[in-house]
Full PDB file with SEQRES, HELIX, SHEET, SSBOND, CRYST1, ORIGX, SCALE, CONECT and MASTER records, all heavy atoms in Angstrom:
SEQRES   1 A   33  SER ASN GLU ARG ALA VAL PHE ASN MET ILE ASP VAL GLY          
SEQRES   2 A   33  ALA ASN SER ASP SER LYS PRO LEU ASN ILE ASP GLN TYR          
SEQRES   3 A   33  ALA THR LEU GLY SER TYR TYR                                  
HELIX    1 AA1 PRO A   20  TYR A   32  1                                  13    
CRYST1    1.000    1.000    1.000  90.00  90.00  90.00 P 1           1          
ORIGX1      1.000000  0.000000  0.000000        0.00000                         
ORIGX2      0.000000  1.000000  0.000000        0.00000                         
ORIGX3      0.000000  0.000000  1.000000        0.00000                         
SCALE1      1.000000  0.000000  0.000000        0.00000                         
SCALE2      0.000000  1.000000  0.000000        0.00000                         
SCALE3      0.000000  0.000000  1.000000        0.00000                         
ATOM      1  N   SER A   1     139.234 151.069  67.549  1.00  0.00           N  
ATOM      2  CA  SER A   1     140.296 150.211  67.041  1.00  0.00           C  
ATOM      3  C   SER A   1     140.637 150.568  65.598  1.00  0.00           C  
ATOM      4  O   SER A   1     139.778 150.992  64.822  1.00  0.00           O  
ATOM      5  CB  SER A   1     139.855 148.747  67.121  1.00  0.00           C  
ATOM      6  OG  SER A   1     140.686 147.918  66.345  1.00  0.00           O  
ATOM      7  N   ASN A   2     141.908 150.393  65.231  1.00  0.00           N  
ATOM      8  CA  ASN A   2     142.312 150.591  63.837  1.00  0.00           C  
ATOM      9  C   ASN A   2     141.855 149.433  62.961  1.00  0.00           C  
ATOM     10  O   ASN A   2     141.818 149.551  61.739  1.00  0.00           O  
ATOM     11  CB  ASN A   2     143.843 150.729  63.746  1.00  0.00           C  
ATOM     12  CG  ASN A   2     144.346 151.996  64.409  1.00  0.00           C  
ATOM     13  OD1 ASN A   2     143.667 153.020  64.377  1.00  0.00           O  
ATOM     14  ND2 ASN A   2     145.526 151.928  65.007  1.00  0.00           N  
ATOM     15  N   GLU A   3     141.523 148.310  63.611  1.00  0.00           N  
ATOM     16  CA  GLU A   3     141.147 147.103  62.874  1.00  0.00           C  
ATOM     17  C   GLU A   3     139.745 147.190  62.298  1.00  0.00           C  
ATOM     18  O   GLU A   3     139.467 146.697  61.217  1.00  0.00           O  
ATOM     19  CB  GLU A   3     141.254 145.885  63.803  1.00  0.00           C  
ATOM     20  CG  GLU A   3     140.972 144.560  63.114  1.00  0.00           C  
ATOM     21  CD  GLU A   3     141.127 143.377  64.058  1.00  0.00           C  
ATOM     22  OE1 GLU A   3     141.714 143.553  65.141  1.00  0.00           O  
ATOM     23  OE2 GLU A   3     140.645 142.286  63.706  1.00  0.00           O  
ATOM     24  N   ARG A   4     138.815 147.828  63.019  1.00  0.00           N  
ATOM     25  CA  ARG A   4     137.448 147.950  62.538  1.00  0.00           C  
ATOM     26  C   ARG A   4     136.885 149.302  62.949  1.00  0.00           C  
ATOM     27  O   ARG A   4     137.182 149.844  64.011  1.00  0.00           O  
ATOM     28  CB  ARG A   4     136.572 146.815  63.079  1.00  0.00           C  
ATOM     29  CG  ARG A   4     136.626 146.594  64.569  1.00  0.00           C  
ATOM     30  CD  ARG A   4     135.742 145.423  64.996  1.00  0.00           C  
ATOM     31  NE  ARG A   4     136.079 144.186  64.354  1.00  0.00           N  
ATOM     32  CZ  ARG A   4     136.998 143.332  64.814  1.00  0.00           C  
ATOM     33  NH1 ARG A   4     137.684 143.620  65.909  1.00  0.00           N  
ATOM     34  NH2 ARG A   4     137.243 142.209  64.180  1.00  0.00           N  
ATOM     35  N   ALA A   5     136.039 149.870  62.069  1.00  0.00           N  
ATOM     36  CA  ALA A   5     135.496 151.217  62.297  1.00  0.00           C  
ATOM     37  C   ALA A   5     134.289 151.194  63.226  1.00  0.00           C  
ATOM     38  O   ALA A   5     134.066 152.146  63.984  1.00  0.00           O  
ATOM     39  CB  ALA A   5     135.116 151.859  60.963  1.00  0.00           C  
ATOM     40  N   VAL A   6     133.497 150.121  63.152  1.00  0.00           N  
ATOM     41  CA  VAL A   6     132.272 150.033  63.943  1.00  0.00           C  
ATOM     42  C   VAL A   6     132.074 148.612  64.444  1.00  0.00           C  
ATOM     43  O   VAL A   6     132.737 147.679  63.988  1.00  0.00           O  
ATOM     44  CB  VAL A   6     131.026 150.438  63.101  1.00  0.00           C  
ATOM     45  CG1 VAL A   6     131.124 151.879  62.625  1.00  0.00           C  
ATOM     46  CG2 VAL A   6     130.821 149.487  61.928  1.00  0.00           C  
ATOM     47  N   PHE A   7     131.161 148.469  65.385  1.00  0.00           N  
ATOM     48  CA  PHE A   7     130.682 147.141  65.767  1.00  0.00           C  
ATOM     49  C   PHE A   7     129.184 147.221  66.002  1.00  0.00           C  
ATOM     50  O   PHE A   7     128.630 148.301  66.241  1.00  0.00           O  
ATOM     51  CB  PHE A   7     131.406 146.603  67.013  1.00  0.00           C  
ATOM     52  CG  PHE A   7     131.068 147.315  68.298  1.00  0.00           C  
ATOM     53  CD1 PHE A   7     130.050 146.866  69.116  1.00  0.00           C  
ATOM     54  CD2 PHE A   7     131.787 148.430  68.699  1.00  0.00           C  
ATOM     55  CE1 PHE A   7     129.735 147.512  70.312  1.00  0.00           C  
ATOM     56  CE2 PHE A   7     131.493 149.089  69.885  1.00  0.00           C  
ATOM     57  CZ  PHE A   7     130.462 148.628  70.697  1.00  0.00           C  
ATOM     58  N   ASN A   8     128.518 146.085  65.885  1.00  0.00           N  
ATOM     59  CA  ASN A   8     127.071 146.011  66.078  1.00  0.00           C  
ATOM     60  C   ASN A   8     126.767 145.217  67.342  1.00  0.00           C  
ATOM     61  O   ASN A   8     127.439 144.226  67.629  1.00  0.00           O  
ATOM     62  CB  ASN A   8     126.401 145.324  64.875  1.00  0.00           C  
ATOM     63  CG  ASN A   8     126.682 146.052  63.581  1.00  0.00           C  
ATOM     64  OD1 ASN A   8     126.260 147.182  63.391  1.00  0.00           O  
ATOM     65  ND2 ASN A   8     127.410 145.405  62.675  1.00  0.00           N  
ATOM     66  N   MET A   9     125.744 145.651  68.067  1.00  0.00           N  
ATOM     67  CA  MET A   9     125.327 144.916  69.266  1.00  0.00           C  
ATOM     68  C   MET A   9     123.842 144.625  69.187  1.00  0.00           C  
ATOM     69  O   MET A   9     123.036 145.487  68.835  1.00  0.00           O  
ATOM     70  CB  MET A   9     125.627 145.702  70.539  1.00  0.00           C  
ATOM     71  CG  MET A   9     125.295 144.926  71.820  1.00  0.00           C  
ATOM     72  SD  MET A   9     126.164 145.550  73.275  1.00  0.00           S  
ATOM     73  CE  MET A   9     125.505 147.207  73.370  1.00  0.00           C  
ATOM     74  N   ILE A  10     123.461 143.390  69.512  1.00  0.00           N  
ATOM     75  CA  ILE A  10     122.081 142.946  69.490  1.00  0.00           C  
ATOM     76  C   ILE A  10     121.890 141.908  70.600  1.00  0.00           C  
ATOM     77  O   ILE A  10     122.739 141.034  70.741  1.00  0.00           O  
ATOM     78  CB  ILE A  10     121.725 142.358  68.098  1.00  0.00           C  
ATOM     79  CG1 ILE A  10     120.281 141.854  68.063  1.00  0.00           C  
ATOM     80  CG2 ILE A  10     122.672 141.254  67.678  1.00  0.00           C  
ATOM     81  CD1 ILE A  10     119.805 141.463  66.637  1.00  0.00           C  
ATOM     82  N   ASP A  11     120.961 142.019  71.465  1.00  0.00           N  
ATOM     83  CA  ASP A  11     119.802 142.868  71.539  1.00  0.00           C  
ATOM     84  C   ASP A  11     120.094 144.044  72.472  1.00  0.00           C  
ATOM     85  O   ASP A  11     120.703 143.841  73.513  1.00  0.00           O  
ATOM     86  CB  ASP A  11     118.641 142.021  72.057  1.00  0.00           C  
ATOM     87  CG  ASP A  11     117.322 142.737  72.192  1.00  0.00           C  
ATOM     88  OD1 ASP A  11     117.150 143.820  71.611  1.00  0.00           O  
ATOM     89  OD2 ASP A  11     116.449 142.220  72.901  1.00  0.00           O  
ATOM     90  N   VAL A  12     119.628 145.253  72.124  1.00  0.00           N  
ATOM     91  CA  VAL A  12     119.854 146.406  72.986  1.00  0.00           C  
ATOM     92  C   VAL A  12     118.547 146.922  73.593  1.00  0.00           C  
ATOM     93  O   VAL A  12     118.453 148.087  73.950  1.00  0.00           O  
ATOM     94  CB  VAL A  12     120.586 147.542  72.237  1.00  0.00           C  
ATOM     95  CG1 VAL A  12     121.984 147.122  71.839  1.00  0.00           C  
ATOM     96  CG2 VAL A  12     119.795 148.022  71.019  1.00  0.00           C  
ATOM     97  N   GLY A  13     117.544 146.025  73.708  1.00  0.00           N  
ATOM     98  CA  GLY A  13     116.362 146.452  74.431  1.00  0.00           C  
ATOM     99  C   GLY A  13     115.016 145.966  73.951  1.00  0.00           C  
ATOM    100  O   GLY A  13     113.993 146.348  74.515  1.00  0.00           O  
ATOM    101  N   ALA A  14     114.973 145.099  72.958  1.00  0.00           N  
ATOM    102  CA  ALA A  14     113.667 144.622  72.497  1.00  0.00           C  
ATOM    103  C   ALA A  14     113.050 143.629  73.478  1.00  0.00           C  
ATOM    104  O   ALA A  14     111.827 143.590  73.650  1.00  0.00           O  
ATOM    105  CB  ALA A  14     113.788 143.975  71.115  1.00  0.00           C  
ATOM    106  N   ASN A  15     113.898 142.815  74.119  1.00  0.00           N  
ATOM    107  CA  ASN A  15     113.410 141.762  75.020  1.00  0.00           C  
ATOM    108  C   ASN A  15     114.198 141.780  76.324  1.00  0.00           C  
ATOM    109  O   ASN A  15     115.404 141.523  76.325  1.00  0.00           O  
ATOM    110  CB  ASN A  15     113.572 140.379  74.367  1.00  0.00           C  
ATOM    111  CG  ASN A  15     112.933 140.313  72.994  1.00  0.00           C  
ATOM    112  OD1 ASN A  15     111.726 140.227  72.867  1.00  0.00           O  
ATOM    113  ND2 ASN A  15     113.765 140.365  71.955  1.00  0.00           N  
ATOM    114  N   SER A  16     113.532 142.077  77.417  1.00  0.00           N  
ATOM    115  CA  SER A  16     114.221 142.085  78.714  1.00  0.00           C  
ATOM    116  C   SER A  16     114.632 140.676  79.129  1.00  0.00           C  
ATOM    117  O   SER A  16     115.686 140.478  79.741  1.00  0.00           O  
ATOM    118  CB  SER A  16     113.309 142.688  79.787  1.00  0.00           C  
ATOM    119  OG  SER A  16     113.052 144.048  79.513  1.00  0.00           O  
ATOM    120  N   ASP A  17     113.805 139.707  78.802  1.00  0.00           N  
ATOM    121  CA  ASP A  17     114.099 138.312  79.118  1.00  0.00           C  
ATOM    122  C   ASP A  17     114.340 137.557  77.814  1.00  0.00           C  
ATOM    123  O   ASP A  17     113.456 137.492  76.959  1.00  0.00           O  
ATOM    124  CB  ASP A  17     112.939 137.670  79.887  1.00  0.00           C  
ATOM    125  CG  ASP A  17     112.714 138.334  81.232  1.00  0.00           C  
ATOM    126  OD1 ASP A  17     113.686 138.446  82.001  1.00  0.00           O  
ATOM    127  OD2 ASP A  17     111.567 138.749  81.506  1.00  0.00           O  
ATOM    128  N   SER A  18     115.524 137.017  77.671  1.00  0.00           N  
ATOM    129  CA  SER A  18     115.881 136.289  76.454  1.00  0.00           C  
ATOM    130  C   SER A  18     116.185 134.835  76.766  1.00  0.00           C  
ATOM    131  O   SER A  18     116.538 134.484  77.895  1.00  0.00           O  
ATOM    132  CB  SER A  18     117.100 136.935  75.789  1.00  0.00           C  
ATOM    133  OG  SER A  18     116.852 138.269  75.436  1.00  0.00           O  
ATOM    134  N   LYS A  19     116.052 133.998  75.752  1.00  0.00           N  
ATOM    135  CA  LYS A  19     116.402 132.586  75.847  1.00  0.00           C  
ATOM    136  C   LYS A  19     117.699 132.342  75.071  1.00  0.00           C  
ATOM    137  O   LYS A  19     118.058 133.139  74.198  1.00  0.00           O  
ATOM    138  CB  LYS A  19     115.274 131.729  75.263  1.00  0.00           C  
ATOM    139  CG  LYS A  19     113.953 131.857  76.009  1.00  0.00           C  
ATOM    140  CD  LYS A  19     112.865 130.981  75.384  1.00  0.00           C  
ATOM    141  CE  LYS A  19     112.446 131.499  74.020  1.00  0.00           C  
ATOM    142  NZ  LYS A  19     111.288 130.739  73.463  1.00  0.00           N  
ATOM    143  N   PRO A  20     118.397 131.263  75.353  1.00  0.00           N  
ATOM    144  CA  PRO A  20     119.615 130.955  74.589  1.00  0.00           C  
ATOM    145  C   PRO A  20     119.367 130.935  73.083  1.00  0.00           C  
ATOM    146  O   PRO A  20     120.207 131.413  72.310  1.00  0.00           O  
ATOM    147  CB  PRO A  20     120.005 129.568  75.111  1.00  0.00           C  
ATOM    148  CG  PRO A  20     119.461 129.532  76.507  1.00  0.00           C  
ATOM    149  CD  PRO A  20     118.171 130.297  76.448  1.00  0.00           C  
ATOM    150  N   LEU A  21     118.211 130.412  72.671  1.00  0.00           N  
ATOM    151  CA  LEU A  21     117.870 130.366  71.250  1.00  0.00           C  
ATOM    152  C   LEU A  21     117.845 131.759  70.642  1.00  0.00           C  
ATOM    153  O   LEU A  21     118.318 131.969  69.520  1.00  0.00           O  
ATOM    154  CB  LEU A  21     116.502 129.701  71.070  1.00  0.00           C  
ATOM    155  CG  LEU A  21     115.896 129.758  69.661  1.00  0.00           C  
ATOM    156  CD1 LEU A  21     116.762 128.973  68.688  1.00  0.00           C  
ATOM    157  CD2 LEU A  21     114.468 129.227  69.666  1.00  0.00           C  
ATOM    158  N   ASN A  22     117.291 132.724  71.389  1.00  0.00           N  
ATOM    159  CA  ASN A  22     117.226 134.096  70.885  1.00  0.00           C  
ATOM    160  C   ASN A  22     118.626 134.643  70.635  1.00  0.00           C  
ATOM    161  O   ASN A  22     118.895 135.243  69.579  1.00  0.00           O  
ATOM    162  CB  ASN A  22     116.510 135.007  71.880  1.00  0.00           C  
ATOM    163  CG  ASN A  22     115.114 134.535  72.234  1.00  0.00           C  
ATOM    164  OD1 ASN A  22     114.699 134.605  73.391  1.00  0.00           O  
ATOM    165  ND2 ASN A  22     114.373 134.032  71.259  1.00  0.00           N  
ATOM    166  N   ILE A  23     119.513 134.459  71.580  1.00  0.00           N  
ATOM    167  CA  ILE A  23     120.871 134.988  71.452  1.00  0.00           C  
ATOM    168  C   ILE A  23     121.604 134.326  70.291  1.00  0.00           C  
ATOM    169  O   ILE A  23     122.349 134.981  69.550  1.00  0.00           O  
ATOM    170  CB  ILE A  23     121.633 134.804  72.781  1.00  0.00           C  
ATOM    171  CG1 ILE A  23     120.973 135.668  73.871  1.00  0.00           C  
ATOM    172  CG2 ILE A  23     123.108 135.163  72.627  1.00  0.00           C  
ATOM    173  CD1 ILE A  23     121.569 135.506  75.257  1.00  0.00           C  
ATOM    174  N   ASP A  24     121.372 133.046  70.101  1.00  0.00           N  
ATOM    175  CA  ASP A  24     121.969 132.331  68.968  1.00  0.00           C  
ATOM    176  C   ASP A  24     121.458 132.911  67.642  1.00  0.00           C  
ATOM    177  O   ASP A  24     122.236 133.123  66.700  1.00  0.00           O  
ATOM    178  CB  ASP A  24     121.644 130.846  69.072  1.00  0.00           C  
ATOM    179  CG  ASP A  24     122.288 130.027  67.970  1.00  0.00           C  
ATOM    180  OD1 ASP A  24     123.487 130.230  67.704  1.00  0.00           O  
ATOM    181  OD2 ASP A  24     121.590 129.196  67.358  1.00  0.00           O  
ATOM    182  N   GLN A  25     120.164 133.182  67.565  1.00  0.00           N  
ATOM    183  CA  GLN A  25     119.604 133.771  66.352  1.00  0.00           C  
ATOM    184  C   GLN A  25     120.115 135.192  66.139  1.00  0.00           C  
ATOM    185  O   GLN A  25     120.360 135.610  64.998  1.00  0.00           O  
ATOM    186  CB  GLN A  25     118.078 133.750  66.418  1.00  0.00           C  
ATOM    187  CG  GLN A  25     117.484 132.355  66.335  1.00  0.00           C  
ATOM    188  CD  GLN A  25     115.962 132.335  66.475  1.00  0.00           C  
ATOM    189  OE1 GLN A  25     115.356 133.341  66.818  1.00  0.00           O  
ATOM    190  NE2 GLN A  25     115.367 131.188  66.208  1.00  0.00           N  
ATOM    191  N   TYR A  26     120.283 135.943  67.224  1.00  0.00           N  
ATOM    192  CA  TYR A  26     120.823 137.300  67.109  1.00  0.00           C  
ATOM    193  C   TYR A  26     122.218 137.278  66.473  1.00  0.00           C  
ATOM    194  O   TYR A  26     122.586 138.184  65.720  1.00  0.00           O  
ATOM    195  CB  TYR A  26     120.929 137.969  68.485  1.00  0.00           C  
ATOM    196  CG  TYR A  26     119.609 138.186  69.186  1.00  0.00           C  
ATOM    197  CD1 TYR A  26     119.561 138.306  70.577  1.00  0.00           C  
ATOM    198  CD2 TYR A  26     118.411 138.275  68.475  1.00  0.00           C  
ATOM    199  CE1 TYR A  26     118.356 138.514  71.236  1.00  0.00           C  
ATOM    200  CE2 TYR A  26     117.204 138.472  69.127  1.00  0.00           C  
ATOM    201  CZ  TYR A  26     117.184 138.592  70.510  1.00  0.00           C  
ATOM    202  OH  TYR A  26     116.002 138.792  71.169  1.00  0.00           O  
ATOM    203  N   ALA A  27     122.993 136.254  66.793  1.00  0.00           N  
ATOM    204  CA  ALA A  27     124.343 136.155  66.236  1.00  0.00           C  
ATOM    205  C   ALA A  27     124.302 136.015  64.721  1.00  0.00           C  
ATOM    206  O   ALA A  27     125.093 136.642  63.997  1.00  0.00           O  
ATOM    207  CB  ALA A  27     125.077 134.967  66.860  1.00  0.00           C  
ATOM    208  N   THR A  28     123.377 135.220  64.229  1.00  0.00           N  
ATOM    209  CA  THR A  28     123.236 135.051  62.784  1.00  0.00           C  
ATOM    210  C   THR A  28     122.737 136.346  62.142  1.00  0.00           C  
ATOM    211  O   THR A  28     123.256 136.786  61.106  1.00  0.00           O  
ATOM    212  CB  THR A  28     122.268 133.893  62.465  1.00  0.00           C  
ATOM    213  OG1 THR A  28     122.762 132.688  63.052  1.00  0.00           O  
ATOM    214  CG2 THR A  28     122.128 133.704  60.959  1.00  0.00           C  
ATOM    215  N   LEU A  29     121.729 136.971  62.761  1.00  0.00           N  
ATOM    216  CA  LEU A  29     121.199 138.230  62.243  1.00  0.00           C  
ATOM    217  C   LEU A  29     122.292 139.301  62.204  1.00  0.00           C  
ATOM    218  O   LEU A  29     122.470 139.991  61.198  1.00  0.00           O  
ATOM    219  CB  LEU A  29     120.038 138.705  63.114  1.00  0.00           C  
ATOM    220  CG  LEU A  29     118.752 137.861  63.086  1.00  0.00           C  
ATOM    221  CD1 LEU A  29     117.792 138.327  64.178  1.00  0.00           C  
ATOM    222  CD2 LEU A  29     118.082 137.937  61.728  1.00  0.00           C  
ATOM    223  N   GLY A  30     123.021 139.425  63.303  1.00  0.00           N  
ATOM    224  CA  GLY A  30     124.065 140.437  63.374  1.00  0.00           C  
ATOM    225  C   GLY A  30     125.184 140.199  62.383  1.00  0.00           C  
ATOM    226  O   GLY A  30     125.739 141.150  61.809  1.00  0.00           O  
ATOM    227  N   SER A  31     125.529 138.941  62.153  1.00  0.00           N  
ATOM    228  CA  SER A  31     126.581 138.603  61.198  1.00  0.00           C  
ATOM    229  C   SER A  31     126.182 138.985  59.778  1.00  0.00           C  
ATOM    230  O   SER A  31     126.980 139.545  59.019  1.00  0.00           O  
ATOM    231  CB  SER A  31     126.899 137.106  61.266  1.00  0.00           C  
ATOM    232  OG  SER A  31     127.455 136.758  62.515  1.00  0.00           O  
ATOM    233  N   TYR A  32     124.937 138.690  59.418  1.00  0.00           N  
ATOM    234  CA  TYR A  32     124.450 139.061  58.088  1.00  0.00           C  
ATOM    235  C   TYR A  32     124.433 140.586  57.932  1.00  0.00           C  
ATOM    236  O   TYR A  32     124.786 141.111  56.872  1.00  0.00           O  
ATOM    237  CB  TYR A  32     123.051 138.493  57.858  1.00  0.00           C  
ATOM    238  CG  TYR A  32     123.052 137.131  57.206  1.00  0.00           C  
ATOM    239  CD1 TYR A  32     123.392 135.984  57.937  1.00  0.00           C  
ATOM    240  CD2 TYR A  32     122.705 136.972  55.870  1.00  0.00           C  
ATOM    241  CE1 TYR A  32     123.395 134.732  57.355  1.00  0.00           C  
ATOM    242  CE2 TYR A  32     122.704 135.718  55.267  1.00  0.00           C  
ATOM    243  CZ  TYR A  32     123.046 134.601  56.016  1.00  0.00           C  
ATOM    244  OH  TYR A  32     123.061 133.368  55.425  1.00  0.00           O  
ATOM    245  N   TYR A  33     124.029 141.296  58.985  1.00  0.00           N  
ATOM    246  CA  TYR A  33     123.986 142.754  58.917  1.00  0.00           C  
ATOM    247  C   TYR A  33     125.399 143.323  58.737  1.00  0.00           C  
ATOM    248  O   TYR A  33     125.629 144.193  57.891  1.00  0.00           O  
ATOM    249  CB  TYR A  33     123.366 143.317  60.195  1.00  0.00           C  
ATOM    250  CG  TYR A  33     123.113 144.813  60.136  1.00  0.00           C  
ATOM    251  CD1 TYR A  33     121.901 145.313  59.664  1.00  0.00           C  
ATOM    252  CD2 TYR A  33     124.083 145.734  60.548  1.00  0.00           C  
ATOM    253  CE1 TYR A  33     121.667 146.679  59.602  1.00  0.00           C  
ATOM    254  CE2 TYR A  33     123.856 147.095  60.482  1.00  0.00           C  
ATOM    255  CZ  TYR A  33     122.647 147.560  60.008  1.00  0.00           C  
ATOM    256  OH  TYR A  33     122.419 148.911  59.934  1.00  0.00           O  
TER     257      TYR A  33                                                      
MASTER        0    0    0    1    0    0    0    6  256    1    0    3          
END                                                                             
């Protein structure tokens, strides 16, 4: 996209089974990154 050069994705393999809480925390971590 011309709007952004990159994007970040989390989680890409640390935990095969995740909980909603984990995904919510990933959003905060990814936003700060």
